[in-house]
Amino acid sequence: YDYRERWERASVFKERADFPIHIGFEFNASCNLKCPMCTWSAESVVPGKDFWMDFDFFKKIIDEGIEHGLSAVGFDWVNEPLIRRDLPKFVAYARDAGVIDLIIHTNGTLLTKSMSERLIDAGLTRMMVSLDALTQETYDQIRVGSNMGKVVKNVHQFLEARTQRGSRLPLLSVNFVLMSLNEHELKEFVEHWTEYVDFFSIQQYIN
């Protein structure tokens, strides 16, 4: 509770922490989609593995952070984190070091059964999957390069793996960036996914 209270105070500028409460990491500067509302739709050059974050460097940051009250870690920024097959190793290290909240945003294309199981076992606390649509037609306009059927299957596979392990974590969210392309589907989107997910993240698109 102390962590969330600190987060709330910081978010409304009632408190200025000496050290970040939350750190977002960019482990790989790359994505496998070209969504129109993302900068990757305009990128022509994708940095290679030489630009991927080193595990030892990550450990150094986490170890220092824990000493100063670091409580939450995001395993992505403007990228697709599951491109890193070794990502569960990073999650497990942060958990074992004492980080409370361990969060991933993903487009879900690489959320295989094996990856789901490894992330659950590593101690991930929140999994946020960006879908942005209910129908194939709308999805194809937004999640360019993806496969809606595959992603939906991956999400349900993740839920099955969580149930099989008897775990409540990680909590699952499906994300919806509200824009003119998909606004007509929001109500039905929420109604459809309410049965399966723990919460929703609905964001307003800024042109």
C-alpha atoms as a PDB file:
ATOM      1  CA  TYR A   1       0.000   0.000   0.000  1.00  0.00           C
ATOM      2  CA  ASP A   2       2.886   2.346   0.725  1.00  0.00           C
ATOM      3  CA  TYR A   3       4.034   1.990  -2.892  1.00  0.00           C
ATOM      4  CA  ARG A   4       0.621   2.986  -4.309  1.00  0.00           C
ATOM      5  CA  GLU A   5       0.296   5.871  -1.847  1.00  0.00           C
ATOM      6  CA  ARG A   6       3.714   7.159  -2.908  1.00  0.00           C
ATOM      7  CA  TRP A   7       2.689   6.746  -6.565  1.00  0.00           C
ATOM      8  CA  GLU A   8      -0.521   8.742  -6.031  1.00  0.00           C
ATOM      9  CA  ARG A   9       1.259  11.537  -4.184  1.00  0.00           C
ATOM     10  CA  ALA A  10       3.923  11.783  -6.888  1.00  0.00           C
ATOM     11  CA  SER A  11       1.392  11.690  -9.747  1.00  0.00           C
ATOM     12  CA  VAL A  12      -0.367  14.826  -8.427  1.00  0.00           C
ATOM     13  CA  PHE A  13       2.942  16.518  -7.501  1.00  0.00           C
ATOM     14  CA  LYS A  14       2.335  16.369  -3.761  1.00  0.00           C
ATOM     15  CA  GLU A  15       5.665  14.629  -3.393  1.00  0.00           C
ATOM     16  CA  ARG A  16       8.894  14.712  -5.368  1.00  0.00           C
ATOM     17  CA  ALA A  17      10.876  11.543  -4.872  1.00  0.00           C
ATOM     18  CA  ASP A  18      14.670  11.663  -4.723  1.00  0.00           C
ATOM     19  CA  PHE A  19      14.787   8.535  -6.878  1.00  0.00           C
ATOM     20  CA  PRO A  20      12.265   7.165  -9.400  1.00  0.00           C
ATOM     21  CA  ILE A  21       9.424   5.073  -7.990  1.00  0.00           C
ATOM     22  CA  HIS A  22       9.013   3.538 -11.447  1.00  0.00           C
ATOM     23  CA  ILE A  23      11.548   2.954 -14.226  1.00  0.00           C
ATOM     24  CA  GLY A  24      10.577   2.090 -17.803  1.00  0.00           C
ATOM     25  CA  PHE A  25      13.183   0.131 -19.761  1.00  0.00           C
ATOM     26  CA  GLU A  26      13.740  -0.081 -23.513  1.00  0.00           C
ATOM     27  CA  PHE A  27      15.421  -3.473 -23.809  1.00  0.00           C
ATOM     28  CA  ASN A  28      15.227  -3.577 -27.603  1.00  0.00           C
ATOM     29  CA  ALA A  29      14.620  -0.639 -29.929  1.00  0.00           C
ATOM     30  CA  SER A  30      12.377  -2.569 -32.308  1.00  0.00           C
ATOM     31  CA  CYS A  31       8.814  -3.629 -33.040  1.00  0.00           C
ATOM     32  CA  ASN A  32       7.262  -6.159 -35.394  1.00  0.00           C
ATOM     33  CA  LEU A  33       4.235  -3.990 -36.321  1.00  0.00           C
ATOM     34  CA  LYS A  34       3.632  -0.659 -38.080  1.00  0.00           C
ATOM     35  CA  CYS A  35       0.672   0.798 -36.212  1.00  0.00           C
ATOM     36  CA  PRO A  36      -0.268   4.238 -37.619  1.00  0.00           C
ATOM     37  CA  MET A  37      -0.440   5.956 -34.208  1.00  0.00           C
ATOM     38  CA  CYS A  38       3.097   4.822 -33.311  1.00  0.00           C
ATOM     39  CA  THR A  39       6.477   6.199 -34.333  1.00  0.00           C
ATOM     40  CA  TRP A  40       7.471   2.779 -35.684  1.00  0.00           C
ATOM     41  CA  SER A  41       5.136   3.349 -38.640  1.00  0.00           C
ATOM     42  CA  ALA A  42       7.535   6.073 -39.806  1.00  0.00           C
ATOM     43  CA  GLU A  43      10.842   4.338 -39.048  1.00  0.00           C
ATOM     44  CA  SER A  44      12.946   3.076 -41.945  1.00  0.00           C
ATOM     45  CA  VAL A  45      15.930   1.887 -39.887  1.00  0.00           C
ATOM     46  CA  VAL A  46      15.628  -0.583 -36.993  1.00  0.00           C
ATOM     47  CA  PRO A  47      18.635  -0.823 -34.646  1.00  0.00           C
ATOM     48  CA  GLY A  48      20.004  -4.352 -34.324  1.00  0.00           C
ATOM     49  CA  LYS A  49      20.901  -6.456 -31.324  1.00  0.00           C
ATOM     50  CA  ASP A  50      24.000  -4.350 -30.720  1.00  0.00           C
ATOM     51  CA  PHE A  51      21.609  -1.793 -29.228  1.00  0.00           C
ATOM     52  CA  TRP A  52      19.828  -4.241 -26.928  1.00  0.00           C
ATOM     53  CA  MET A  53      20.227  -3.629 -23.212  1.00  0.00           C
ATOM     54  CA  ASP A  54      22.770  -5.838 -21.486  1.00  0.00           C
ATOM     55  CA  PHE A  55      21.519  -7.970 -18.593  1.00  0.00           C
ATOM     56  CA  ASP A  56      24.393  -6.989 -16.300  1.00  0.00           C
ATOM     57  CA  PHE A  57      23.653  -3.297 -16.887  1.00  0.00           C
ATOM     58  CA  PHE A  58      19.992  -3.928 -16.052  1.00  0.00           C
ATOM     59  CA  LYS A  59      20.976  -5.683 -12.818  1.00  0.00           C
ATOM     60  CA  LYS A  60      23.128  -2.727 -11.824  1.00  0.00           C
ATOM     61  CA  ILE A  61      20.216  -0.312 -12.278  1.00  0.00           C
ATOM     62  CA  ILE A  62      17.801  -2.551 -10.364  1.00  0.00           C
ATOM     63  CA  ASP A  63      20.235  -3.079  -7.484  1.00  0.00           C
ATOM     64  CA  GLU A  64      20.816   0.660  -7.134  1.00  0.00           C
ATOM     65  CA  GLY A  65      17.105   1.374  -7.470  1.00  0.00           C
ATOM     66  CA  ILE A  66      16.079  -1.034  -4.736  1.00  0.00           C
ATOM     67  CA  GLU A  67      18.416   0.745  -2.338  1.00  0.00           C
ATOM     68  CA  HIS A  68      16.521   3.982  -3.044  1.00  0.00           C
ATOM     69  CA  GLY A  69      12.916   2.808  -2.995  1.00  0.00           C
ATOM     70  CA  LEU A  70      12.343   1.646  -6.576  1.00  0.00           C
ATOM     71  CA  SER A  71       8.985  -0.164  -6.535  1.00  0.00           C
ATOM     72  CA  ALA A  72       7.834  -0.622 -10.138  1.00  0.00           C
ATOM     73  CA  VAL A  73       9.417  -1.553 -13.450  1.00  0.00           C
ATOM     74  CA  GLY A  74       8.009  -1.382 -16.974  1.00  0.00           C
ATOM     75  CA  PHE A  75       9.663  -3.803 -19.403  1.00  0.00           C
ATOM     76  CA  ASP A  76       8.904  -1.748 -22.504  1.00  0.00           C
ATOM     77  CA  TRP A  77       8.720   1.779 -23.823  1.00  0.00           C
ATOM     78  CA  VAL A  78       8.231   2.371 -27.567  1.00  0.00           C
ATOM     79  CA  ASN A  79       8.945  -1.203 -28.593  1.00  0.00           C
ATOM     80  CA  GLU A  80       7.634  -4.758 -28.580  1.00  0.00           C
ATOM     81  CA  PRO A  81       9.296  -6.306 -25.506  1.00  0.00           C
ATOM     82  CA  LEU A  82       8.527  -9.941 -26.341  1.00  0.00           C
ATOM     83  CA  ILE A  83      11.011  -9.773 -29.208  1.00  0.00           C
ATOM     84  CA  ARG A  84      13.468 -10.418 -26.379  1.00  0.00           C
ATOM     85  CA  ARG A  85      13.142 -14.163 -25.757  1.00  0.00           C
ATOM     86  CA  ASP A  86      15.209 -13.717 -22.593  1.00  0.00           C
ATOM     87  CA  LEU A  87      12.756 -11.196 -21.123  1.00  0.00           C
ATOM     88  CA  PRO A  88      11.539 -13.522 -18.316  1.00  0.00           C
ATOM     89  CA  LYS A  89      15.098 -13.517 -16.964  1.00  0.00           C
ATOM     90  CA  PHE A  90      14.883  -9.732 -16.505  1.00  0.00           C
ATOM     91  CA  VAL A  91      11.466 -10.014 -14.851  1.00  0.00           C
ATOM     92  CA  ALA A  92      12.650 -12.700 -12.435  1.00  0.00           C
ATOM     93  CA  TYR A  93      15.723 -10.716 -11.431  1.00  0.00           C
ATOM     94  CA  ALA A  94      13.684  -7.602 -10.654  1.00  0.00           C
ATOM     95  CA  ARG A  95      11.169  -9.658  -8.663  1.00  0.00           C
ATOM     96  CA  ASP A  96      13.855 -11.401  -6.634  1.00  0.00           C
ATOM     97  CA  ALA A  97      15.549  -8.063  -5.976  1.00  0.00           C
ATOM     98  CA  GLY A  98      12.339  -6.734  -4.405  1.00  0.00           C
ATOM     99  CA  VAL A  99      10.516  -4.777  -7.126  1.00  0.00           C
ATOM    100  CA  ILE A 100       6.789  -4.900  -6.304  1.00  0.00           C
ATOM    101  CA  ASP A 101       5.101  -4.103  -9.625  1.00  0.00           C
ATOM    102  CA  LEU A 102       6.398  -5.691 -12.845  1.00  0.00           C
ATOM    103  CA  ILE A 103       4.570  -4.542 -15.978  1.00  0.00           C
ATOM    104  CA  ILE A 104       4.606  -5.412 -19.673  1.00  0.00           C
ATOM    105  CA  HIS A 105       2.735  -3.763 -22.566  1.00  0.00           C
ATOM    106  CA  THR A 106       2.686  -5.964 -25.659  1.00  0.00           C
ATOM    107  CA  ASN A 107       0.882  -6.291 -28.970  1.00  0.00           C
ATOM    108  CA  GLY A 108       0.424  -9.965 -28.146  1.00  0.00           C
ATOM    109  CA  THR A 109       1.763 -11.409 -31.398  1.00  0.00           C
ATOM    110  CA  LEU A 110       4.673 -13.156 -29.660  1.00  0.00           C
ATOM    111  CA  LEU A 111       2.789 -14.188 -26.521  1.00  0.00           C
ATOM    112  CA  THR A 112       3.224 -17.903 -27.122  1.00  0.00           C
ATOM    113  CA  LYS A 113       2.204 -20.557 -24.601  1.00  0.00           C
ATOM    114  CA  SER A 114       5.832 -20.973 -23.577  1.00  0.00           C
ATOM    115  CA  MET A 115       6.383 -17.240 -23.140  1.00  0.00           C
ATOM    116  CA  SER A 116       3.171 -16.923 -21.115  1.00  0.00           C
ATOM    117  CA  GLU A 117       4.268 -19.701 -18.783  1.00  0.00           C
ATOM    118  CA  ARG A 118       7.747 -18.252 -18.363  1.00  0.00           C
ATOM    119  CA  LEU A 119       6.458 -14.751 -17.596  1.00  0.00           C
ATOM    120  CA  ILE A 120       3.962 -16.063 -15.046  1.00  0.00           C
ATOM    121  CA  ASP A 121       6.665 -18.147 -13.361  1.00  0.00           C
ATOM    122  CA  ALA A 122       9.063 -15.187 -13.410  1.00  0.00           C
ATOM    123  CA  GLY A 123       6.667 -13.145 -11.261  1.00  0.00           C
ATOM    124  CA  LEU A 124       5.159 -10.631 -13.682  1.00  0.00           C
ATOM    125  CA  THR A 125       2.346  -8.681 -11.984  1.00  0.00           C
ATOM    126  CA  ARG A 126       0.623  -6.934 -14.931  1.00  0.00           C
ATOM    127  CA  MET A 127       0.258  -7.937 -18.580  1.00  0.00           C
ATOM    128  CA  MET A 128      -1.292  -5.289 -20.851  1.00  0.00           C
ATOM    129  CA  VAL A 129      -2.184  -6.405 -24.384  1.00  0.00           C
ATOM    130  CA  SER A 130      -2.985  -3.791 -27.027  1.00  0.00           C
ATOM    131  CA  LEU A 131      -5.938  -4.813 -29.195  1.00  0.00           C
ATOM    132  CA  ASP A 132      -7.759  -1.544 -30.087  1.00  0.00           C
ATOM    133  CA  ALA A 133     -10.588  -3.242 -31.966  1.00  0.00           C
ATOM    134  CA  LEU A 134     -13.274  -5.883 -31.854  1.00  0.00           C
ATOM    135  CA  THR A 135     -13.657  -6.697 -35.539  1.00  0.00           C
ATOM    136  CA  GLN A 136     -11.073  -7.926 -38.017  1.00  0.00           C
ATOM    137  CA  GLU A 137     -11.721  -5.023 -40.396  1.00  0.00           C
ATOM    138  CA  THR A 138     -10.958  -2.361 -37.806  1.00  0.00           C
ATOM    139  CA  TYR A 139      -8.071  -4.286 -36.274  1.00  0.00           C
ATOM    140  CA  ASP A 140      -6.309  -4.586 -39.643  1.00  0.00           C
ATOM    141  CA  GLN A 141      -6.366  -0.794 -40.068  1.00  0.00           C
ATOM    142  CA  ILE A 142      -4.749  -0.189 -36.689  1.00  0.00           C
ATOM    143  CA  ARG A 143      -2.521  -3.154 -35.868  1.00  0.00           C
ATOM    144  CA  VAL A 144      -0.750  -3.213 -39.214  1.00  0.00           C
ATOM    145  CA  GLY A 145       1.192  -6.427 -39.735  1.00  0.00           C
ATOM    146  CA  SER A 146      -0.580  -8.370 -36.996  1.00  0.00           C
ATOM    147  CA  ASN A 147      -3.047 -11.255 -36.993  1.00  0.00           C
ATOM    148  CA  MET A 148      -6.094 -10.692 -34.786  1.00  0.00           C
ATOM    149  CA  GLY A 149      -7.059 -14.363 -34.537  1.00  0.00           C
ATOM    150  CA  LYS A 150      -3.573 -15.294 -33.418  1.00  0.00           C
ATOM    151  CA  VAL A 151      -3.416 -12.545 -30.795  1.00  0.00           C
ATOM    152  CA  VAL A 152      -6.837 -13.390 -29.350  1.00  0.00           C
ATOM    153  CA  LYS A 153      -5.781 -17.046 -29.185  1.00  0.00           C
ATOM    154  CA  ASN A 154      -2.560 -16.027 -27.417  1.00  0.00           C
ATOM    155  CA  VAL A 155      -4.516 -14.034 -24.824  1.00  0.00           C
ATOM    156  CA  HIS A 156      -6.789 -16.970 -24.015  1.00  0.00           C
ATOM    157  CA  GLN A 157      -3.775 -19.273 -23.924  1.00  0.00           C
ATOM    158  CA  PHE A 158      -2.187 -16.935 -21.390  1.00  0.00           C
ATOM    159  CA  LEU A 159      -5.334 -17.056 -19.240  1.00  0.00           C
ATOM    160  CA  GLU A 160      -5.338 -20.854 -19.376  1.00  0.00           C
ATOM    161  CA  ALA A 161      -1.692 -20.975 -18.290  1.00  0.00           C
ATOM    162  CA  ARG A 162      -2.432 -18.648 -15.375  1.00  0.00           C
ATOM    163  CA  THR A 163      -5.378 -20.800 -14.279  1.00  0.00           C
ATOM    164  CA  GLN A 164      -3.347 -23.997 -14.556  1.00  0.00           C
ATOM    165  CA  ARG A 165      -0.753 -22.493 -12.223  1.00  0.00           C
ATOM    166  CA  GLY A 166      -3.412 -21.429  -9.733  1.00  0.00           C
ATOM    167  CA  SER A 167      -2.199 -17.841  -9.883  1.00  0.00           C
ATOM    168  CA  ARG A 168      -4.040 -14.511  -9.842  1.00  0.00           C
ATOM    169  CA  LEU A 169      -0.992 -12.793 -11.315  1.00  0.00           C
ATOM    170  CA  PRO A 170      -0.165 -11.276 -13.635  1.00  0.00           C
ATOM    171  CA  LEU A 171      -3.363  -9.272 -13.878  1.00  0.00           C
ATOM    172  CA  LEU A 172      -4.487  -8.960 -17.485  1.00  0.00           C
ATOM    173  CA  SER A 173      -5.609  -5.821 -19.285  1.00  0.00           C
ATOM    174  CA  VAL A 174      -6.634  -5.340 -22.899  1.00  0.00           C
ATOM    175  CA  ASN A 175      -5.822  -1.861 -24.181  1.00  0.00           C
ATOM    176  CA  PHE A 176      -7.851   0.333 -26.503  1.00  0.00           C
ATOM    177  CA  VAL A 177      -6.491   3.551 -28.034  1.00  0.00           C
ATOM    178  CA  LEU A 178      -9.675   5.467 -28.812  1.00  0.00           C
ATOM    179  CA  MET A 179      -9.673   7.135 -32.249  1.00  0.00           C
ATOM    180  CA  SER A 180     -12.003   7.800 -35.153  1.00  0.00           C
ATOM    181  CA  LEU A 181     -11.170   4.410 -36.688  1.00  0.00           C
ATOM    182  CA  ASN A 182     -12.428   2.385 -33.750  1.00  0.00           C
ATOM    183  CA  GLU A 183     -14.603   4.553 -31.491  1.00  0.00           C
ATOM    184  CA  HIS A 184     -17.774   2.820 -32.723  1.00  0.00           C
ATOM    185  CA  GLU A 185     -16.494  -0.493 -31.314  1.00  0.00           C
ATOM    186  CA  LEU A 186     -15.528   0.575 -27.786  1.00  0.00           C
ATOM    187  CA  LYS A 187     -18.792  -0.355 -26.038  1.00  0.00           C
ATOM    188  CA  GLU A 188     -18.958  -3.835 -27.558  1.00  0.00           C
ATOM    189  CA  PHE A 189     -15.206  -4.294 -27.020  1.00  0.00           C
ATOM    190  CA  VAL A 190     -15.612  -3.725 -23.286  1.00  0.00           C
ATOM    191  CA  GLU A 191     -18.708  -5.927 -23.116  1.00  0.00           C
ATOM    192  CA  HIS A 192     -16.913  -8.755 -24.917  1.00  0.00           C
ATOM    193  CA  TRP A 193     -13.709  -8.727 -22.856  1.00  0.00           C
ATOM    194  CA  THR A 194     -15.237  -8.038 -19.418  1.00  0.00           C
ATOM    195  CA  GLU A 195     -15.692 -11.772 -18.906  1.00  0.00           C
ATOM    196  CA  TYR A 196     -12.005 -12.480 -19.371  1.00  0.00           C
ATOM    197  CA  VAL A 197      -9.805  -9.581 -18.250  1.00  0.00           C
ATOM    198  CA  ASP A 198      -9.059  -8.010 -14.888  1.00  0.00           C
ATOM    199  CA  PHE A 199      -9.130  -4.390 -16.059  1.00  0.00           C
ATOM    200  CA  PHE A 200      -9.111  -2.177 -19.138  1.00  0.00           C
ATOM    201  CA  SER A 201      -6.781   0.583 -20.305  1.00  0.00           C
ATOM    202  CA  ILE A 202      -8.628   2.995 -22.600  1.00  0.00           C
ATOM    203  CA  GLN A 203      -6.519   5.874 -23.899  1.00  0.00           C
ATOM    204  CA  GLN A 204      -7.447   8.907 -25.934  1.00  0.00           C
ATOM    205  CA  TYR A 205      -5.547   9.263 -29.184  1.00  0.00           C
ATOM    206  CA  ILE A 206      -3.852  12.644 -29.616  1.00  0.00           C
ATOM    207  CA  ASN A 207      -3.453  13.685 -33.255  1.00  0.00           C
END
